[in-house]
Amino acid sequence: MFFSILAYTSGHTLAKLSILCLYIQVFHSTAMRKVFRVMLAAIAVNGVWLFVSGIINCVPVQAFWDTTVPAYCFPREPMWYCNAGVNILTDFALFLTPLVLLRPMRLPKRQKLGLYVVFALGFL
């Protein structure tokens, strides 16, 4: 469980960062590129926090899987809920931001719907 948490947070963060790098390359609006870069920095900082907090959740670390070891541990449920809330927030931001940019484009409805579907796949 300990290593799966580290692998999950690393993979999830890197996937979000790669989607944001794609958005920076695809969309040419200077203002939106700044928004994407701010999101990139925020998600990177959050990813580092998730990784580090996963490691130092309990001190000493072995107390994470061995409850008989006397240790100091962060309260698990509040930390998990907080981290999950931030992840959900960034997921929705990644989902909605490109859809807002696609809305004013003058394209046939079928093409616009196709673009919505392609960018919505990043939400899955």
N, C-alpha and C. Protein backbone atom coordinates (compact mmCIF):
# COMPACT_ATOMS: atom_id res chain seq x y z
N MET A 1 0.82 -1.19 0.00
CA MET A 1 0.00 0.00 0.00
C MET A 1 0.87 1.26 0.00
N PHE A 2 1.93 1.23 0.78
CA PHE A 2 2.81 2.40 0.88
C PHE A 2 3.36 2.79 -0.49
N PHE A 3 3.91 1.82 -1.22
CA PHE A 3 4.52 2.12 -2.52
C PHE A 3 3.46 2.39 -3.59
N SER A 4 2.29 1.81 -3.45
CA SER A 4 1.24 2.08 -4.43
C SER A 4 0.76 3.52 -4.32
N ILE A 5 0.74 4.07 -3.12
CA ILE A 5 0.36 5.48 -2.95
C ILE A 5 1.38 6.38 -3.64
N LEU A 6 2.65 6.08 -3.48
CA LEU A 6 3.70 6.88 -4.12
C LEU A 6 3.62 6.76 -5.64
N ALA A 7 3.40 5.55 -6.14
CA ALA A 7 3.30 5.35 -7.59
C ALA A 7 2.07 6.05 -8.15
N TYR A 8 0.95 5.96 -7.44
CA TYR A 8 -0.28 6.60 -7.91
C TYR A 8 -0.13 8.11 -7.97
N THR A 9 0.39 8.71 -6.90
CA THR A 9 0.52 10.17 -6.89
C THR A 9 1.50 10.64 -7.95
N SER A 10 2.58 9.91 -8.15
CA SER A 10 3.55 10.29 -9.19
C SER A 10 2.92 10.19 -10.57
N GLY A 11 2.27 9.08 -10.84
CA GLY A 11 1.65 8.88 -12.15
C GLY A 11 0.54 9.87 -12.43
N HIS A 12 -0.28 10.12 -11.44
CA HIS A 12 -1.40 11.05 -11.60
C HIS A 12 -0.88 12.47 -11.86
N THR A 13 0.11 12.87 -11.12
CA THR A 13 0.68 14.21 -11.30
C THR A 13 1.35 14.34 -12.66
N LEU A 14 2.12 13.34 -13.06
CA LEU A 14 2.80 13.41 -14.36
C LEU A 14 1.80 13.40 -15.51
N ALA A 15 0.69 12.69 -15.38
CA ALA A 15 -0.34 12.71 -16.42
C ALA A 15 -0.95 14.10 -16.55
N LYS A 16 -1.24 14.74 -15.43
CA LYS A 16 -1.79 16.09 -15.46
C LYS A 16 -0.80 17.08 -16.07
N LEU A 17 0.46 16.95 -15.69
CA LEU A 17 1.48 17.85 -16.24
C LEU A 17 1.64 17.66 -17.74
N SER A 18 1.55 16.43 -18.21
CA SER A 18 1.68 16.19 -19.65
C SER A 18 0.49 16.76 -20.41
N ILE A 19 -0.71 16.67 -19.83
CA ILE A 19 -1.89 17.27 -20.47
C ILE A 19 -1.73 18.78 -20.55
N LEU A 20 -1.24 19.39 -19.48
CA LEU A 20 -1.03 20.84 -19.51
C LEU A 20 0.03 21.24 -20.52
N CYS A 21 1.09 20.47 -20.65
CA CYS A 21 2.11 20.76 -21.67
C CYS A 21 1.51 20.68 -23.07
N LEU A 22 0.63 19.73 -23.28
CA LEU A 22 -0.07 19.63 -24.56
C LEU A 22 -0.93 20.86 -24.79
N TYR A 23 -1.67 21.29 -23.78
CA TYR A 23 -2.50 22.48 -23.92
C TYR A 23 -1.66 23.72 -24.27
N ILE A 24 -0.50 23.84 -23.65
CA ILE A 24 0.37 24.99 -23.94
C ILE A 24 0.81 24.96 -25.40
N GLN A 25 1.05 23.78 -25.94
CA GLN A 25 1.46 23.67 -27.34
C GLN A 25 0.30 23.89 -28.31
N VAL A 26 -0.89 23.47 -27.95
CA VAL A 26 -2.03 23.52 -28.87
C VAL A 26 -2.67 24.90 -28.92
N PHE A 27 -2.87 25.53 -27.77
CA PHE A 27 -3.56 26.81 -27.72
C PHE A 27 -2.55 27.94 -27.79
N HIS A 28 -2.83 28.90 -28.65
CA HIS A 28 -1.86 29.97 -28.90
C HIS A 28 -2.19 31.27 -28.19
N SER A 29 -3.25 31.31 -27.44
CA SER A 29 -3.61 32.51 -26.70
C SER A 29 -2.57 32.75 -25.60
N THR A 30 -1.98 33.94 -25.61
CA THR A 30 -0.95 34.27 -24.63
C THR A 30 -1.51 34.25 -23.21
N ALA A 31 -2.72 34.79 -23.05
CA ALA A 31 -3.33 34.82 -21.72
C ALA A 31 -3.58 33.41 -21.21
N MET A 32 -4.07 32.54 -22.07
CA MET A 32 -4.35 31.17 -21.63
C MET A 32 -3.06 30.40 -21.37
N ARG A 33 -2.03 30.69 -22.12
CA ARG A 33 -0.74 30.03 -21.84
C ARG A 33 -0.25 30.39 -20.45
N LYS A 34 -0.48 31.63 -20.04
CA LYS A 34 -0.10 32.03 -18.68
C LYS A 34 -0.93 31.26 -17.65
N VAL A 35 -2.23 31.12 -17.93
CA VAL A 35 -3.09 30.36 -17.02
C VAL A 35 -2.61 28.91 -16.94
N PHE A 36 -2.26 28.34 -18.09
CA PHE A 36 -1.78 26.95 -18.11
C PHE A 36 -0.46 26.81 -17.35
N ARG A 37 0.40 27.80 -17.47
CA ARG A 37 1.68 27.73 -16.74
C ARG A 37 1.47 27.84 -15.23
N VAL A 38 0.52 28.68 -14.82
CA VAL A 38 0.20 28.78 -13.39
C VAL A 38 -0.37 27.45 -12.90
N MET A 39 -1.27 26.86 -13.70
CA MET A 39 -1.82 25.55 -13.35
C MET A 39 -0.71 24.50 -13.30
N LEU A 40 0.23 24.58 -14.23
CA LEU A 40 1.36 23.65 -14.27
C LEU A 40 2.17 23.74 -12.99
N ALA A 41 2.46 24.96 -12.57
CA ALA A 41 3.23 25.15 -11.34
C ALA A 41 2.45 24.66 -10.12
N ALA A 42 1.15 24.97 -10.06
CA ALA A 42 0.33 24.55 -8.92
C ALA A 42 0.24 23.03 -8.83
N ILE A 43 0.05 22.39 -9.96
CA ILE A 43 -0.06 20.93 -9.96
C ILE A 43 1.28 20.29 -9.64
N ALA A 44 2.38 20.88 -10.10
CA ALA A 44 3.70 20.35 -9.78
C ALA A 44 3.97 20.45 -8.27
N VAL A 45 3.65 21.60 -7.69
CA VAL A 45 3.84 21.78 -6.25
C VAL A 45 2.96 20.80 -5.48
N ASN A 46 1.70 20.66 -5.91
CA ASN A 46 0.81 19.72 -5.25
C ASN A 46 1.33 18.29 -5.39
N GLY A 47 1.86 17.94 -6.55
CA GLY A 47 2.40 16.60 -6.75
C GLY A 47 3.59 16.32 -5.85
N VAL A 48 4.45 17.31 -5.68
CA VAL A 48 5.58 17.15 -4.77
C VAL A 48 5.07 16.98 -3.34
N TRP A 49 4.07 17.78 -2.96
CA TRP A 49 3.50 17.65 -1.61
C TRP A 49 2.91 16.25 -1.42
N LEU A 50 2.16 15.77 -2.41
CA LEU A 50 1.54 14.45 -2.28
C LEU A 50 2.60 13.36 -2.12
N PHE A 51 3.67 13.47 -2.88
CA PHE A 51 4.74 12.47 -2.80
C PHE A 51 5.45 12.53 -1.45
N VAL A 52 5.83 13.74 -1.05
CA VAL A 52 6.55 13.89 0.21
C VAL A 52 5.66 13.52 1.39
N SER A 53 4.41 13.95 1.37
CA SER A 53 3.51 13.61 2.47
C SER A 53 3.21 12.12 2.50
N GLY A 54 3.28 11.48 1.34
CA GLY A 54 3.13 10.02 1.32
C GLY A 54 4.29 9.33 1.99
N ILE A 55 5.47 9.90 1.86
CA ILE A 55 6.66 9.31 2.47
C ILE A 55 6.70 9.59 3.98
N ILE A 56 6.46 10.83 4.35
CA ILE A 56 6.59 11.20 5.77
C ILE A 56 5.24 11.18 6.49
N ASN A 57 4.30 10.43 5.96
CA ASN A 57 3.00 10.32 6.60
C ASN A 57 3.15 9.87 8.05
N CYS A 58 4.05 8.95 8.28
CA CYS A 58 4.37 8.51 9.63
C CYS A 58 5.88 8.57 9.82
N VAL A 59 6.30 8.99 11.00
CA VAL A 59 7.71 9.02 11.34
C VAL A 59 7.90 8.18 12.58
N PRO A 60 8.62 7.10 12.52
CA PRO A 60 9.33 6.51 11.40
C PRO A 60 8.36 5.90 10.37
N VAL A 61 8.83 5.78 9.14
CA VAL A 61 8.01 5.37 8.01
C VAL A 61 7.38 3.99 8.22
N GLN A 62 8.07 3.08 8.88
CA GLN A 62 7.55 1.72 9.03
C GLN A 62 6.25 1.69 9.84
N ALA A 63 5.94 2.75 10.56
CA ALA A 63 4.69 2.80 11.32
C ALA A 63 3.48 2.88 10.40
N PHE A 64 3.70 3.22 9.13
CA PHE A 64 2.59 3.26 8.17
C PHE A 64 1.96 1.89 8.01
N TRP A 65 2.78 0.85 7.96
CA TRP A 65 2.25 -0.51 7.78
C TRP A 65 2.31 -1.36 9.05
N ASP A 66 3.06 -0.91 10.05
CA ASP A 66 3.16 -1.65 11.31
C ASP A 66 2.65 -0.76 12.44
N THR A 67 1.41 -0.97 12.84
CA THR A 67 0.79 -0.09 13.85
C THR A 67 1.34 -0.31 15.26
N THR A 68 2.15 -1.34 15.43
CA THR A 68 2.72 -1.58 16.77
C THR A 68 3.93 -0.69 17.05
N VAL A 69 4.48 -0.06 16.03
CA VAL A 69 5.65 0.80 16.18
C VAL A 69 5.18 2.16 16.71
N PRO A 70 5.77 2.64 17.80
CA PRO A 70 5.40 3.97 18.29
C PRO A 70 5.91 5.04 17.33
N ALA A 71 5.00 5.91 16.91
CA ALA A 71 5.38 6.91 15.91
C ALA A 71 4.40 8.07 15.93
N TYR A 72 4.81 9.13 15.25
CA TYR A 72 3.91 10.25 14.99
C TYR A 72 3.41 10.10 13.56
N CYS A 73 2.09 10.11 13.37
CA CYS A 73 1.49 10.04 12.04
C CYS A 73 0.53 11.20 11.86
N PHE A 74 0.49 11.72 10.63
CA PHE A 74 -0.52 12.71 10.30
C PHE A 74 -1.90 12.06 10.45
N PRO A 75 -2.90 12.83 10.81
CA PRO A 75 -4.25 12.26 10.82
C PRO A 75 -4.62 11.85 9.39
N ARG A 76 -4.89 10.58 9.19
CA ARG A 76 -5.06 10.04 7.83
C ARG A 76 -6.27 10.60 7.10
N GLU A 77 -7.43 10.53 7.71
CA GLU A 77 -8.64 10.92 7.00
C GLU A 77 -8.65 12.38 6.58
N PRO A 78 -8.34 13.34 7.46
CA PRO A 78 -8.33 14.73 7.01
C PRO A 78 -7.33 14.98 5.88
N MET A 79 -6.16 14.34 5.97
CA MET A 79 -5.17 14.53 4.92
C MET A 79 -5.64 13.92 3.61
N TRP A 80 -6.23 12.74 3.67
CA TRP A 80 -6.73 12.10 2.45
C TRP A 80 -7.85 12.92 1.81
N TYR A 81 -8.76 13.44 2.63
CA TYR A 81 -9.86 14.24 2.09
C TYR A 81 -9.33 15.53 1.47
N CYS A 82 -8.37 16.16 2.11
CA CYS A 82 -7.79 17.40 1.58
C CYS A 82 -7.08 17.13 0.26
N ASN A 83 -6.26 16.10 0.22
CA ASN A 83 -5.55 15.75 -1.02
C ASN A 83 -6.52 15.37 -2.12
N ALA A 84 -7.56 14.62 -1.78
CA ALA A 84 -8.56 14.24 -2.79
C ALA A 84 -9.30 15.46 -3.31
N GLY A 85 -9.62 16.39 -2.42
CA GLY A 85 -10.30 17.62 -2.85
C GLY A 85 -9.47 18.43 -3.83
N VAL A 86 -8.18 18.56 -3.54
CA VAL A 86 -7.30 19.29 -4.46
C VAL A 86 -7.18 18.56 -5.79
N ASN A 87 -7.09 17.23 -5.76
CA ASN A 87 -7.02 16.46 -7.00
C ASN A 87 -8.30 16.61 -7.82
N ILE A 88 -9.44 16.59 -7.18
CA ILE A 88 -10.71 16.75 -7.90
C ILE A 88 -10.79 18.15 -8.50
N LEU A 89 -10.37 19.16 -7.75
CA LEU A 89 -10.38 20.53 -8.25
C LEU A 89 -9.49 20.68 -9.48
N THR A 90 -8.29 20.15 -9.43
CA THR A 90 -7.40 20.25 -10.59
C THR A 90 -7.91 19.41 -11.76
N ASP A 91 -8.56 18.29 -11.49
CA ASP A 91 -9.16 17.50 -12.58
C ASP A 91 -10.22 18.31 -13.31
N PHE A 92 -11.10 18.96 -12.56
CA PHE A 92 -12.14 19.77 -13.19
C PHE A 92 -11.54 20.97 -13.93
N ALA A 93 -10.50 21.57 -13.39
CA ALA A 93 -9.85 22.69 -14.08
C ALA A 93 -9.25 22.23 -15.40
N LEU A 94 -8.62 21.06 -15.39
CA LEU A 94 -8.06 20.52 -16.63
C LEU A 94 -9.15 20.18 -17.64
N PHE A 95 -10.30 19.78 -17.15
CA PHE A 95 -11.41 19.41 -18.02
C PHE A 95 -12.09 20.64 -18.62
N LEU A 96 -12.33 21.66 -17.81
CA LEU A 96 -13.13 22.80 -18.26
C LEU A 96 -12.35 23.85 -19.04
N THR A 97 -11.08 24.03 -18.75
CA THR A 97 -10.31 25.10 -19.38
C THR A 97 -10.28 25.01 -20.90
N PRO A 98 -9.96 23.87 -21.50
CA PRO A 98 -9.96 23.85 -22.97
C PRO A 98 -11.36 23.95 -23.56
N LEU A 99 -12.39 23.50 -22.84
CA LEU A 99 -13.75 23.60 -23.36
C LEU A 99 -14.18 25.06 -23.47
N VAL A 100 -13.73 25.88 -22.53
CA VAL A 100 -14.02 27.31 -22.59
C VAL A 100 -13.35 27.93 -23.80
N LEU A 101 -12.17 27.48 -24.14
CA LEU A 101 -11.45 28.02 -25.30
C LEU A 101 -12.06 27.57 -26.63
N LEU A 102 -12.69 26.41 -26.63
CA LEU A 102 -13.28 25.89 -27.86
C LEU A 102 -14.63 26.54 -28.16
N ARG A 103 -15.29 27.04 -27.16
CA ARG A 103 -16.64 27.56 -27.33
C ARG A 103 -16.75 28.68 -28.37
N PRO A 104 -15.88 29.70 -28.36
CA PRO A 104 -16.05 30.78 -29.35
C PRO A 104 -15.59 30.43 -30.77
N MET A 105 -15.00 29.28 -30.96
CA MET A 105 -14.53 28.90 -32.30
C MET A 105 -15.70 28.72 -33.26
N ARG A 106 -15.52 29.23 -34.47
CA ARG A 106 -16.56 29.07 -35.49
C ARG A 106 -16.26 27.82 -36.30
N LEU A 107 -16.85 26.74 -35.86
CA LEU A 107 -16.69 25.45 -36.52
C LEU A 107 -18.07 24.82 -36.68
N PRO A 108 -18.20 23.90 -37.64
CA PRO A 108 -19.46 23.17 -37.72
C PRO A 108 -19.72 22.43 -36.40
N LYS A 109 -21.00 22.26 -36.09
CA LYS A 109 -21.36 21.65 -34.79
C LYS A 109 -20.73 20.28 -34.62
N ARG A 110 -20.67 19.51 -35.68
CA ARG A 110 -20.11 18.17 -35.58
C ARG A 110 -18.62 18.20 -35.22
N GLN A 111 -17.88 19.12 -35.84
CA GLN A 111 -16.45 19.25 -35.53
C GLN A 111 -16.24 19.76 -34.10
N LYS A 112 -17.05 20.72 -33.71
CA LYS A 112 -16.92 21.26 -32.36
C LYS A 112 -17.24 20.18 -31.33
N LEU A 113 -18.27 19.39 -31.57
CA LEU A 113 -18.61 18.30 -30.67
C LEU A 113 -17.47 17.29 -30.61
N GLY A 114 -16.86 17.00 -31.76
CA GLY A 114 -15.72 16.09 -31.79
C GLY A 114 -14.56 16.61 -30.96
N LEU A 115 -14.30 17.91 -31.05
CA LEU A 115 -13.23 18.51 -30.24
C LEU A 115 -13.57 18.45 -28.75
N TYR A 116 -14.83 18.71 -28.41
CA TYR A 116 -15.24 18.59 -27.01
C TYR A 116 -14.98 17.18 -26.50
N VAL A 117 -15.32 16.18 -27.31
CA VAL A 117 -15.13 14.80 -26.88
C VAL A 117 -13.64 14.48 -26.72
N VAL A 118 -12.82 14.93 -27.65
CA VAL A 118 -11.37 14.64 -27.57
C VAL A 118 -10.78 15.28 -26.31
N PHE A 119 -11.13 16.53 -26.03
CA PHE A 119 -10.57 17.17 -24.84
C PHE A 119 -11.20 16.64 -23.57
N ALA A 120 -12.42 16.16 -23.64
CA ALA A 120 -13.06 15.58 -22.46
C ALA A 120 -12.42 14.24 -22.09
N LEU A 121 -11.76 13.59 -23.03
CA LEU A 121 -11.11 12.31 -22.73
C LEU A 121 -10.01 12.48 -21.67
N GLY A 122 -9.42 13.65 -21.59
CA GLY A 122 -8.42 13.92 -20.57
C GLY A 122 -9.00 13.90 -19.17
N PHE A 123 -10.32 14.06 -19.08
CA PHE A 123 -10.99 14.04 -17.78
C PHE A 123 -11.14 12.62 -17.24
N LEU A 124 -11.15 11.67 -18.15
CA LEU A 124 -11.31 10.28 -17.71
C LEU A 124 -10.05 9.87 -17.03
